């Protein structure tokens, strides 16, 4: 099973940014997000044409746009479409505050083009989300729907499907809505649901959410309603993105084989799963692997493929014939799945991003994985999950062989959820110099509170690899209900010569004793005792507000 990945959510959800990036709602109490007014009128915007301001805004991050907008009320007025174009309400609290604000200031609704609501967010971490009745969220959205005239993307991410009436309201009152994403929980799908009344969608996602538990090795495949397939296959010819998958594959899995009958010339993003062993120990779905190969060969516009796999207590087979045609997948640049499916890829040079965190790679598989990696001559981003059976032994050759197979990486996420002490870490990071273009390195390691702190891990990584510009560290525990324990992000600040000067730190997590924490601070690299020698405690810390 997949534990953690930079791409642990579907691409549309990973890329959405919104209110949580605009204002820290968690610390804003009931403050009206949109009511803040800058103290200066006119000012900077008075002498700059609006089209120039918009060009500048298009190059900025959402947080920078927010700061830019506070310079004057004139600027804020010009930048409102940028501020509210994408709204992500990533908790019950944010749903309640933002929906109430939009009800009072409906003129803002016309700027919203993408809206994601996540009440009772089951992936909330490190603090669990508070409860919010999802019927209340539906009622608020119904009331706002007539004002969301420019919304083209809606993403529902609650505990269960929303009340069915919401889909009809959105379909009738939001004429530009073309992308619909929703998850499901334990409740069965209604074959007569008005969710299946949409027509000519460009994106659709139906996902079994995380956290449903389940202990079945081979849960029965659940057939999706015929009206769903009629909508997707017959009435959405311009589909560009499709996701049918399960993140709780021991509890509920959809049979997505009928999708193989569809043909969408514009399809560029595909997420399917969960694949795995069936009760007869054959791989599936689909029952005939040639069906999937034919489907992929026919869809030459595919750029992003994510296949969710769950092999339960067993290892994957050493080979998986894909039966791809010679013209298959010429534009594929991102693949998430298992390495075996890439072995016969006819255009391996197109792949730039690869995620192999569906299952751990054992040392015995290294001889099979590395030749596949070497075929991906344009690969710049890699996520990989490895299994270190004996942390006490010297695994330098293992790490070096892996790194040498991917010489062009700029982003590297190395995950090992077994024990990974400082000795192993040094063996790994001493090989990273072979990656001359590497800018971001992420480490997910087996969790123990006896290890060095996360910031000390980050500083040790930077000491051996001073060209890095960002380091991410996660502590994980594989056999634990909440796998992720602590995580930290460390942005490297350099001097004029490119030498590391300090780290800007954001850390969150669950301590051994006490409440979950979030902390921001800055570390002076040059005063760190471990910078030139053994890792010791941080000597200079500047706390950020």
Protein backbone atom coordinates (compact mmCIF):
# COMPACT_ATOMS: atom_id res chain seq x y z
CA UNK A 1 0.00 0.00 0.00
CA UNK A 2 1.09 3.59 -0.59
CA UNK A 3 1.99 5.48 2.57
CA UNK A 4 3.20 8.89 1.50
CA UNK A 5 4.02 10.64 -1.71
CA UNK A 6 4.24 14.12 -3.05
CA UNK A 7 1.45 12.98 -5.33
CA UNK A 8 -0.70 11.27 -2.74
CA UNK A 9 -3.84 12.98 -3.98
CA UNK A 10 -5.28 13.24 -7.48
CA UNK A 11 -3.65 15.97 -9.60
CA UNK A 12 -6.61 18.34 -9.51
CA UNK A 13 -6.61 18.30 -5.70
CA UNK A 14 -2.86 18.57 -5.37
CA UNK A 15 -2.75 21.70 -7.54
CA UNK A 16 -5.65 23.63 -6.01
CA UNK A 17 -4.70 26.53 -3.80
CA UNK A 18 -7.09 28.77 -1.99
CA UNK A 19 -8.22 30.41 1.20
CA UNK A 20 -5.68 28.64 3.39
CA UNK A 21 -2.99 30.29 1.26
CA UNK A 22 -4.67 33.70 1.29
CA UNK A 23 -5.40 34.13 4.98
CA UNK A 24 -4.62 31.97 7.98
CA UNK A 25 -8.25 31.21 8.78
CA UNK A 26 -7.29 28.96 11.68
CA UNK A 27 -5.94 31.99 13.54
CA UNK A 28 -8.42 34.54 12.22
CA UNK A 29 -11.28 33.61 14.55
CA UNK A 30 -14.53 34.75 12.94
CA UNK A 31 -12.87 37.61 11.11
CA UNK A 32 -14.44 38.39 7.75
CA UNK A 33 -11.81 37.38 5.22
CA UNK A 34 -12.89 39.85 2.59
CA UNK A 35 -13.64 42.78 4.87
CA UNK A 36 -10.03 43.83 5.52
CA UNK A 37 -9.41 47.19 3.88
CA UNK A 38 -5.95 48.66 3.29
CA UNK A 39 -5.28 52.06 4.73
CA UNK A 40 -4.04 53.69 1.53
CA UNK A 41 -6.35 54.64 -1.38
CA UNK A 42 -5.11 54.98 -4.93
CA UNK A 43 -1.38 55.02 -4.35
CA UNK A 44 0.77 52.68 -6.40
CA UNK A 45 -1.96 51.55 -8.79
CA UNK A 46 -2.83 55.11 -9.86
CA UNK A 47 0.17 55.41 -12.19
CA UNK A 48 0.31 51.82 -13.47
CA UNK A 49 -2.05 50.58 -16.21
CA UNK A 50 -4.37 47.78 -15.07
CA UNK A 51 -3.19 45.38 -17.77
CA UNK A 52 0.40 45.73 -16.49
CA UNK A 53 -0.76 44.96 -12.94
CA UNK A 54 -2.57 41.87 -14.19
CA UNK A 55 0.53 40.74 -16.08
CA UNK A 56 2.57 41.10 -12.89
CA UNK A 57 -0.04 39.22 -10.84
CA UNK A 58 0.00 36.33 -13.31
CA UNK A 59 3.65 35.73 -12.39
CA UNK A 60 3.17 35.80 -8.61
CA UNK A 61 2.27 33.16 -6.05
CA UNK A 62 -1.09 33.50 -4.34
CA UNK A 63 0.54 34.68 -1.09
CA UNK A 64 2.47 37.37 -2.99
CA UNK A 65 -0.71 38.48 -4.75
CA UNK A 66 -2.35 38.88 -1.34
CA UNK A 67 0.52 41.07 -0.13
CA UNK A 68 0.42 43.02 -3.40
CA UNK A 69 -3.32 43.63 -3.01
CA UNK A 70 -2.89 45.18 0.46
CA UNK A 71 -0.86 48.08 -0.94
CA UNK A 72 -4.03 50.03 -1.82
CA UNK A 73 -7.76 49.61 -2.25
CA UNK A 74 -7.34 50.27 -5.96
CA UNK A 75 -4.90 47.38 -6.28
CA UNK A 76 -7.17 45.14 -4.26
CA UNK A 77 -10.05 45.87 -6.60
CA UNK A 78 -7.93 45.00 -9.64
CA UNK A 79 -6.57 41.82 -8.05
CA UNK A 80 -9.83 40.39 -6.70
CA UNK A 81 -10.18 38.00 -9.67
CA UNK A 82 -6.74 36.57 -8.87
CA UNK A 83 -7.38 36.34 -5.13
CA UNK A 84 -10.60 34.37 -5.42
CA UNK A 85 -10.15 32.48 -8.69
CA UNK A 86 -9.36 29.26 -6.78
CA UNK A 87 -10.94 28.69 -3.37
CA UNK A 88 -10.02 25.61 -1.33
CA UNK A 89 -11.78 25.17 2.02
CA UNK A 90 -9.59 22.53 3.62
CA UNK A 91 -11.36 22.03 6.95
CA UNK A 92 -14.75 22.33 8.60
CA UNK A 93 -13.73 25.63 10.13
CA UNK A 94 -12.69 27.11 6.81
CA UNK A 95 -15.89 25.86 5.18
CA UNK A 96 -18.01 27.54 7.83
CA UNK A 97 -16.15 30.87 7.86
CA UNK A 98 -15.76 31.20 4.10
CA UNK A 99 -19.29 30.11 3.11
CA UNK A 100 -20.81 32.50 5.64
CA UNK A 101 -18.59 35.30 4.30
CA UNK A 102 -19.59 34.58 0.70
CA UNK A 103 -23.26 34.63 1.71
CA UNK A 104 -22.77 38.16 3.07
CA UNK A 105 -20.57 39.43 0.23
CA UNK A 106 -21.97 37.75 -2.83
CA UNK A 107 -20.19 40.08 -5.23
CA UNK A 108 -17.08 37.98 -4.59
CA UNK A 109 -18.72 34.82 -5.94
CA UNK A 110 -18.38 35.97 -9.55
CA UNK A 111 -14.59 35.73 -9.23
CA UNK A 112 -14.63 32.06 -8.13
CA UNK A 113 -13.75 29.67 -10.95
CA UNK A 114 -12.60 26.67 -8.92
CA UNK A 115 -14.18 25.69 -5.61
CA UNK A 116 -13.17 22.79 -3.37
CA UNK A 117 -14.99 22.08 -0.10
CA UNK A 118 -13.61 19.60 2.43
CA UNK A 119 -15.85 19.48 5.50
CA UNK A 120 -14.87 16.98 8.20
CA UNK A 121 -11.61 16.59 6.37
CA UNK A 122 -10.48 13.05 7.09
CA UNK A 123 -6.86 13.77 6.08
CA UNK A 124 -6.55 16.71 8.48
CA UNK A 125 -3.20 16.48 10.25
CA UNK A 126 -1.68 16.83 12.80
CA UNK A 127 -4.91 17.97 14.47
CA UNK A 128 -8.15 16.16 13.62
CA UNK A 129 -10.85 18.26 11.99
CA UNK A 130 -13.88 19.43 13.91
CA UNK A 131 -17.30 18.10 12.98
CA UNK A 132 -19.55 20.10 10.67
CA UNK A 133 -22.95 18.82 9.43
CA UNK A 134 -22.47 18.24 5.73
CA UNK A 135 -26.14 19.00 5.07
CA UNK A 136 -25.42 22.55 6.27
CA UNK A 137 -22.59 22.84 3.73
CA UNK A 138 -24.91 21.61 0.98
CA UNK A 139 -27.58 24.16 1.94
CA UNK A 140 -25.05 27.00 1.88
CA UNK A 141 -23.72 25.90 -1.52
CA UNK A 142 -27.25 25.70 -2.94
CA UNK A 143 -27.89 29.23 -1.76
CA UNK A 144 -24.68 30.50 -3.39
CA UNK A 145 -24.97 28.53 -6.64
CA UNK A 146 -26.83 31.24 -8.54
CA UNK A 147 -23.97 33.68 -7.87
CA UNK A 148 -21.20 31.24 -8.90
CA UNK A 149 -21.74 32.14 -12.53
CA UNK A 150 -18.11 31.63 -13.58
CA UNK A 151 -17.36 28.46 -11.63
CA UNK A 152 -16.12 25.76 -13.98
CA UNK A 153 -14.65 23.31 -11.39
CA UNK A 154 -16.29 21.91 -8.27
CA UNK A 155 -14.64 19.44 -5.89
CA UNK A 156 -16.54 17.78 -3.04
CA UNK A 157 -14.33 16.04 -0.47
CA UNK A 158 -16.50 15.19 2.53
CA UNK A 159 -17.08 12.01 4.48
CA UNK A 160 -19.86 10.92 2.12
CA UNK A 161 -21.40 12.01 -1.15
CA UNK A 162 -23.35 15.24 -0.65
CA UNK A 163 -27.15 15.28 -0.66
CA UNK A 164 -28.24 14.50 -4.20
CA UNK A 165 -30.08 17.78 -4.65
CA UNK A 166 -26.75 19.65 -4.74
CA UNK A 167 -25.80 18.14 -8.10
CA UNK A 168 -29.02 19.27 -9.74
CA UNK A 169 -28.66 22.77 -8.30
CA UNK A 170 -25.09 23.11 -9.57
CA UNK A 171 -25.98 21.72 -12.98
CA UNK A 172 -28.84 24.16 -13.48
CA UNK A 173 -27.39 27.29 -11.85
CA UNK A 174 -23.69 27.09 -12.79
CA UNK A 175 -23.72 27.09 -16.60
CA UNK A 176 -19.92 26.98 -16.95
CA UNK A 177 -19.45 23.93 -14.70
CA UNK A 178 -17.48 21.36 -16.71
CA UNK A 179 -15.30 19.66 -14.11
CA UNK A 180 -16.86 17.65 -11.28
CA UNK A 181 -14.85 15.82 -8.63
CA UNK A 182 -16.35 13.91 -5.73
CA UNK A 183 -15.45 11.20 -3.28
CA UNK A 184 -17.60 8.54 -1.66
CA UNK A 185 -17.57 6.91 1.74
CA UNK A 186 -19.48 3.84 2.86
CA UNK A 187 -22.94 4.67 1.50
CA UNK A 188 -23.96 2.85 -1.69
CA UNK A 189 -24.28 4.77 -4.94
CA UNK A 190 -27.81 5.53 -6.09
CA UNK A 191 -28.30 4.44 -9.69
CA UNK A 192 -30.79 7.29 -10.14
CA UNK A 193 -28.50 9.95 -8.68
CA UNK A 194 -28.69 13.34 -10.35
CA UNK A 195 -24.89 13.31 -10.32
CA UNK A 196 -25.20 11.31 -13.53
CA UNK A 197 -27.27 13.99 -15.30
CA UNK A 198 -24.26 16.09 -16.30
CA UNK A 199 -23.40 16.35 -19.97
CA UNK A 200 -20.26 17.27 -21.90
CA UNK A 201 -17.97 17.36 -18.88
CA UNK A 202 -14.24 17.82 -19.44
CA UNK A 203 -13.20 16.32 -16.08
CA UNK A 204 -14.81 13.80 -13.76
CA UNK A 205 -13.52 12.06 -10.65
CA UNK A 206 -15.18 9.41 -8.46
CA UNK A 207 -12.94 8.32 -5.60
CA UNK A 208 -13.39 6.06 -2.57
CA UNK A 209 -11.86 8.16 0.17
CA UNK A 210 -9.08 7.28 2.59
CA UNK A 211 -9.76 5.85 6.00
CA UNK A 212 -12.62 3.40 5.48
CA UNK A 213 -10.66 0.57 7.07
CA UNK A 214 -11.60 -2.90 5.94
CA UNK A 215 -9.84 -6.20 6.38
CA UNK A 216 -10.85 -8.13 3.28
CA UNK A 217 -8.01 -9.44 1.15
CA UNK A 218 -10.23 -9.65 -1.91
CA UNK A 219 -13.22 -7.32 -1.56
CA UNK A 220 -15.73 -7.84 -4.37
CA UNK A 221 -15.57 -5.41 -7.27
CA UNK A 222 -18.49 -3.00 -7.03
CA UNK A 223 -20.26 -2.35 -10.31
CA UNK A 224 -20.94 1.29 -11.04
CA UNK A 225 -24.49 2.27 -12.14
CA UNK A 226 -25.25 1.99 -15.85
CA UNK A 227 -26.28 5.65 -15.89
CA UNK A 228 -22.79 6.60 -14.76
CA UNK A 229 -21.23 4.80 -17.72
CA UNK A 230 -23.85 6.24 -20.06
CA UNK A 231 -22.93 9.75 -18.90
CA UNK A 232 -19.17 9.25 -19.14
CA UNK A 233 -18.91 7.14 -22.28
CA UNK A 234 -21.79 8.52 -24.36
CA UNK A 235 -22.39 12.06 -23.16
CA UNK A 236 -18.88 13.35 -22.40
CA UNK A 237 -16.99 13.04 -25.70
CA UNK A 238 -14.60 15.89 -24.81
CA UNK A 239 -13.40 14.35 -21.54
CA UNK A 240 -9.86 15.42 -20.68
CA UNK A 241 -9.48 14.02 -17.17
CA UNK A 242 -10.94 10.84 -15.63
CA UNK A 243 -10.39 9.31 -12.19
CA UNK A 244 -12.09 6.16 -10.88
CA UNK A 245 -10.18 4.74 -7.95
CA UNK A 246 -10.11 3.70 -4.31
CA UNK A 247 -7.85 4.78 -1.48
CA UNK A 248 -9.49 2.19 0.81
CA UNK A 249 -8.95 -0.91 -1.27
CA UNK A 250 -9.56 -3.32 1.61
CA UNK A 251 -13.07 -1.93 2.02
CA UNK A 252 -14.42 -0.82 -1.35
CA UNK A 253 -13.22 -1.08 -4.96
CA UNK A 254 -15.03 0.01 -8.10
CA UNK A 255 -15.00 -2.11 -11.26
CA UNK A 256 -13.68 0.38 -13.80
CA UNK A 257 -13.38 -2.12 -16.69
CA UNK A 258 -16.32 -0.56 -18.64
CA UNK A 259 -14.17 2.56 -19.02
CA UNK A 260 -12.04 0.57 -21.44
CA UNK A 261 -14.94 0.85 -23.93
CA UNK A 262 -14.67 4.64 -24.00
CA UNK A 263 -12.70 6.72 -26.44
CA UNK A 264 -11.87 10.31 -25.60
CA UNK A 265 -9.48 11.95 -28.08
CA UNK A 266 -8.67 14.80 -25.66
CA UNK A 267 -8.01 12.63 -22.59
CA UNK A 268 -4.71 13.74 -21.00
CA UNK A 269 -5.08 12.67 -17.35
CA UNK A 270 -6.09 9.19 -16.17
CA UNK A 271 -6.28 7.75 -12.64
CA UNK A 272 -7.49 4.17 -12.15
CA UNK A 273 -7.35 1.68 -9.28
CA UNK A 274 -7.04 -0.16 -7.20
CA UNK A 275 -5.28 -2.85 -9.22
CA UNK A 276 -3.98 -5.96 -7.50
CA UNK A 277 -4.31 -9.68 -7.00
CA UNK A 278 -7.81 -11.05 -7.35
CA UNK A 279 -9.12 -14.13 -5.51
CA UNK A 280 -7.63 -16.38 -8.21
CA UNK A 281 -4.29 -14.55 -7.78
CA UNK A 282 -4.45 -13.14 -11.27
CA UNK A 283 -3.95 -9.41 -11.63
CA UNK A 284 -6.92 -7.20 -12.29
CA UNK A 285 -9.08 -5.44 -13.17
CA UNK A 286 -9.48 -5.67 -16.10
CA UNK A 287 -9.65 -9.42 -16.47
CA UNK A 288 -7.81 -9.31 -19.81
CA UNK A 289 -4.64 -7.15 -19.63
CA UNK A 290 -4.78 -6.62 -23.39
CA UNK A 291 -7.89 -4.51 -22.84
CA UNK A 292 -5.92 -1.93 -20.85
CA UNK A 293 -3.05 -2.00 -23.36
CA UNK A 294 -5.44 -1.34 -26.25
CA UNK A 295 -7.09 1.51 -24.34
CA UNK A 296 -3.75 3.20 -23.59
CA UNK A 297 -2.54 2.73 -27.15
CA UNK A 298 -5.69 4.41 -28.50
CA UNK A 299 -5.37 7.45 -26.22
CA UNK A 300 -2.27 9.15 -27.58
CA UNK A 301 -2.96 12.45 -25.78
CA UNK A 302 -2.34 10.99 -22.32
CA UNK A 303 0.25 12.96 -20.37
CA UNK A 304 -0.48 11.86 -16.79
CA UNK A 305 -1.23 8.29 -15.69
CA UNK A 306 -1.75 7.14 -12.13
CA UNK A 307 -2.45 3.48 -11.43
CA UNK A 308 -3.13 2.63 -7.80
CA UNK A 309 -1.86 -0.81 -6.82
CA UNK A 310 -2.31 -2.78 -3.61
CA UNK A 311 -0.62 -6.17 -3.40
CA UNK A 312 -1.68 -6.64 0.25
CA UNK A 313 0.70 -9.05 1.99
CA UNK A 314 2.43 -10.20 -1.18
CA UNK A 315 5.03 -8.76 -3.53
CA UNK A 316 4.17 -7.77 -7.05
CA UNK A 317 5.08 -10.17 -9.88
CA UNK A 318 8.42 -9.58 -11.55
CA UNK A 319 6.82 -8.88 -14.94
CA UNK A 320 3.53 -7.36 -16.08
CA UNK A 321 2.99 -7.46 -19.83
CA UNK A 322 1.21 -4.29 -20.95
CA UNK A 323 0.57 -5.20 -24.59
CA UNK A 324 1.19 -1.65 -25.75
CA UNK A 325 1.29 -0.78 -29.41
CA UNK A 326 4.36 0.86 -30.94
CA UNK A 327 2.57 4.22 -31.08
CA UNK A 328 1.29 4.15 -27.47
CA UNK A 329 1.69 7.07 -25.06
CA UNK A 330 3.98 9.37 -27.07
CA UNK A 331 3.18 12.36 -24.81
CA UNK A 332 3.34 10.66 -21.39
CA UNK A 333 5.35 12.83 -18.98
CA UNK A 334 4.08 11.68 -15.54
CA UNK A 335 3.58 8.11 -14.39
CA UNK A 336 2.59 6.84 -10.94
CA UNK A 337 2.43 3.09 -10.43
CA UNK A 338 4.82 0.14 -10.53
CA UNK A 339 8.04 -0.11 -12.51
CA UNK A 340 7.01 -3.29 -14.34
CA UNK A 341 4.47 -1.39 -16.43
CA UNK A 342 7.19 0.86 -17.82
CA UNK A 343 9.43 -1.93 -19.08
CA UNK A 344 7.89 -1.99 -22.56
CA UNK A 345 7.00 1.70 -22.87
CA UNK A 346 7.63 2.56 -26.54
CA UNK A 347 8.55 6.20 -25.83
CA UNK A 348 10.42 6.16 -22.51
CA UNK A 349 12.22 9.41 -23.27
CA UNK A 350 9.03 11.43 -22.75
CA UNK A 351 8.65 10.60 -19.03
CA UNK A 352 9.88 13.37 -16.73
CA UNK A 353 8.12 12.53 -13.44
CA UNK A 354 7.94 9.08 -11.85
CA UNK A 355 6.37 7.88 -8.59
CA UNK A 356 7.12 4.32 -7.46
CA UNK A 357 5.61 4.44 -3.96
CA UNK A 358 2.89 1.84 -4.49
CA UNK A 359 5.10 -0.79 -2.87
CA UNK A 360 8.60 -0.89 -1.37
CA UNK A 361 11.54 -1.81 -3.59
CA UNK A 362 13.64 -4.57 -2.05
CA UNK A 363 17.33 -4.93 -2.81
CA UNK A 364 16.54 -8.11 -4.73
CA UNK A 365 14.57 -5.99 -7.23
CA UNK A 366 17.32 -3.43 -7.81
CA UNK A 367 18.65 -5.30 -10.85
CA UNK A 368 15.20 -5.07 -12.46
CA UNK A 369 14.30 -1.50 -11.47
CA UNK A 370 17.50 0.26 -12.52
CA UNK A 371 17.39 -0.77 -16.22
CA UNK A 372 13.85 0.63 -16.38
CA UNK A 373 15.00 3.89 -14.78
CA UNK A 374 17.90 4.22 -17.20
CA UNK A 375 15.47 4.06 -20.13
CA UNK A 376 13.78 7.23 -18.84
CA UNK A 377 16.41 9.57 -20.20
CA UNK A 378 14.39 12.75 -19.45
CA UNK A 379 13.51 11.85 -15.86
CA UNK A 380 13.90 14.84 -13.52
CA UNK A 381 11.58 13.93 -10.60
CA UNK A 382 11.50 10.61 -8.73
CA UNK A 383 9.57 9.33 -5.70
CA UNK A 384 10.63 5.86 -4.59
CA UNK A 385 9.87 3.65 -1.59
CA UNK A 386 12.69 1.31 -0.56
CA UNK A 387 12.97 -1.42 2.03
CA UNK A 388 16.19 -1.57 4.06
CA UNK A 389 16.13 -5.01 5.65
CA UNK A 390 19.22 -4.57 7.80
CA UNK A 391 19.94 -0.97 8.88
CA UNK A 392 23.16 -2.10 10.55
CA UNK A 393 24.86 -3.17 7.32
CA UNK A 394 26.61 -1.01 4.76
CA UNK A 395 24.13 -0.29 1.92
CA UNK A 396 26.30 2.22 0.07
CA UNK A 397 26.35 0.13 -3.11
CA UNK A 398 22.56 -0.11 -3.11
CA UNK A 399 22.14 3.67 -2.86
CA UNK A 400 24.88 4.43 -5.37
CA UNK A 401 23.46 2.03 -7.96
CA UNK A 402 20.03 3.63 -7.60
CA UNK A 403 21.30 7.20 -7.86
CA UNK A 404 23.51 6.44 -10.87
CA UNK A 405 20.43 5.23 -12.77
CA UNK A 406 18.77 8.68 -12.56
CA UNK A 407 21.52 11.27 -13.24
CA UNK A 408 19.25 14.18 -14.30
CA UNK A 409 17.09 14.46 -11.19
CA UNK A 410 16.18 17.90 -9.89
CA UNK A 411 13.62 16.51 -7.37
CA UNK A 412 14.18 13.33 -5.38
CA UNK A 413 11.92 11.83 -2.71
CA UNK A 414 13.46 8.84 -0.96
CA UNK A 415 11.14 6.91 1.35
CA UNK A 416 12.11 4.15 3.75
CA UNK A 417 9.59 3.35 6.47
CA UNK A 418 11.76 0.73 8.14
CA UNK A 419 14.44 1.83 10.59
CA UNK A 420 16.74 4.41 9.01
CA UNK A 421 19.38 5.61 11.51
CA UNK A 422 21.99 8.31 10.90
CA UNK A 423 24.45 5.71 9.60
CA UNK A 424 22.12 4.79 6.75
CA UNK A 425 21.27 8.41 6.10
CA UNK A 426 24.93 9.29 5.62
CA UNK A 427 25.43 6.36 3.26
CA UNK A 428 22.56 7.71 1.15
CA UNK A 429 23.27 11.44 1.15
CA UNK A 430 26.94 10.93 0.34
CA UNK A 431 25.76 9.63 -3.05
CA UNK A 432 23.61 12.66 -3.87
CA UNK A 433 26.62 14.57 -5.22
CA UNK A 434 26.23 12.35 -8.30
CA UNK A 435 23.02 14.29 -9.03
CA UNK A 436 24.56 17.57 -10.18
CA UNK A 437 21.18 19.20 -10.95
CA UNK A 438 19.41 18.19 -7.72
CA UNK A 439 17.62 21.13 -6.09
CA UNK A 440 15.00 19.50 -3.83
CA UNK A 441 15.50 16.41 -1.70
CA UNK A 442 12.78 14.85 0.44
CA UNK A 443 13.30 12.08 2.99
CA UNK A 444 10.58 9.97 4.58
CA UNK A 445 12.20 7.76 7.19
CA UNK A 446 11.20 5.18 9.75
CA UNK A 447 10.02 6.95 12.87
CA UNK A 448 11.75 6.89 16.23
CA UNK A 449 11.92 9.67 18.79
CA UNK A 450 15.44 8.56 19.70
CA UNK A 451 16.82 9.82 16.39
CA UNK A 452 18.20 13.30 15.83
CA UNK A 453 15.63 16.07 15.39
CA UNK A 454 14.20 16.81 11.95
CA UNK A 455 16.11 20.07 11.61
CA UNK A 456 19.35 18.29 12.50
CA UNK A 457 18.58 15.75 9.79
CA UNK A 458 18.01 18.59 7.32
CA UNK A 459 21.27 20.29 8.27
CA UNK A 460 23.19 17.03 7.90
CA UNK A 461 21.73 16.57 4.41
CA UNK A 462 22.67 20.15 3.52
CA UNK A 463 26.21 19.74 4.85
CA UNK A 464 26.89 16.99 2.32
CA UNK A 465 24.85 18.66 -0.45
CA UNK A 466 25.15 22.47 -0.17
CA UNK A 467 23.69 23.01 -3.66
CA UNK A 468 20.22 21.97 -2.48
CA UNK A 469 17.60 24.71 -2.30
CA UNK A 470 14.90 22.83 -0.40
CA UNK A 471 14.89 19.85 1.98
CA UNK A 472 11.83 18.05 3.31
CA UNK A 473 11.87 15.53 6.16
CA UNK A 474 9.08 13.23 7.30
CA UNK A 475 8.97 10.81 10.18
CA UNK A 476 6.72 7.84 9.52
CA UNK A 477 5.72 4.64 11.23
CA UNK A 478 4.43 1.98 8.86
CA UNK A 479 2.44 -0.18 11.28
CA UNK A 480 0.53 2.58 13.01
CA UNK A 481 -2.99 3.99 12.49
CA UNK A 482 -1.54 7.45 11.82
CA UNK A 483 1.54 6.74 9.72
CA UNK A 484 2.86 10.29 9.56
CA UNK A 485 4.29 11.55 12.86
CA UNK A 486 6.22 14.71 12.05
CA UNK A 487 7.21 16.62 8.94
CA UNK A 488 9.37 19.63 8.20
CA UNK A 489 10.10 21.84 5.21
CA UNK A 490 13.47 23.63 5.06
CA UNK A 491 14.08 26.36 2.46
CA UNK A 492 17.75 27.18 1.96
CA UNK A 493 18.79 30.83 1.98
CA UNK A 494 22.14 31.51 0.29
CA UNK A 495 24.63 34.38 0.12
CA UNK A 496 25.70 36.15 -3.06
CA UNK A 497 28.07 33.28 -3.88
CA UNK A 498 25.38 30.63 -3.51
CA UNK A 499 26.62 29.29 -0.17
CA UNK A 500 24.00 28.26 2.41
CA UNK A 501 23.47 30.88 5.10
CA UNK A 502 20.27 29.83 6.84
CA UNK A 503 17.21 27.61 6.74
CA UNK A 504 13.64 28.91 6.86
CA UNK A 505 11.77 26.19 8.72
CA UNK A 506 8.15 25.04 8.92
CA UNK A 507 7.54 21.98 11.10
CA UNK A 508 4.35 20.19 12.12
CA UNK A 509 3.74 16.99 13.98
CA UNK A 510 2.70 14.88 16.91
CA UNK A 511 5.23 14.79 19.78
CA UNK A 512 5.85 11.83 22.03
CA UNK A 513 4.14 13.79 24.83
CA UNK A 514 1.88 16.79 24.46
CA UNK A 515 -0.34 18.39 21.83
CA UNK A 516 0.23 18.51 18.07
CA UNK A 517 2.45 21.43 17.07
CA UNK A 518 3.17 23.79 14.20
CA UNK A 519 6.26 25.98 14.39
CA UNK A 520 8.08 28.38 12.10
CA UNK A 521 11.63 29.57 12.70
CA UNK A 522 14.94 30.34 11.05
CA UNK A 523 18.24 28.55 11.63
CA UNK A 524 21.65 30.16 11.12
CA UNK A 525 23.55 27.42 9.30
CA UNK A 526 27.00 28.78 10.09
CA UNK A 527 26.48 28.68 13.85
CA UNK A 528 25.21 25.13 13.79
CA UNK A 529 27.57 22.84 15.70
CA UNK A 530 27.07 19.98 13.27
CA UNK A 531 27.77 21.98 10.12
CA UNK A 532 31.44 20.98 10.09
CA UNK A 533 31.33 17.97 12.32
CA UNK A 534 29.06 15.65 14.23
CA UNK A 535 25.35 16.46 14.35
CA UNK A 536 24.55 18.24 17.60
CA UNK A 537 21.90 20.59 18.88
CA UNK A 538 21.05 23.77 16.98
CA UNK A 539 22.90 26.71 18.53
CA UNK A 540 21.17 29.65 16.81
CA UNK A 541 17.45 29.81 16.19
CA UNK A 542 15.39 32.82 15.16
CA UNK A 543 11.66 32.34 15.65
CA UNK A 544 9.43 33.62 12.88
CA UNK A 545 6.06 35.21 13.53
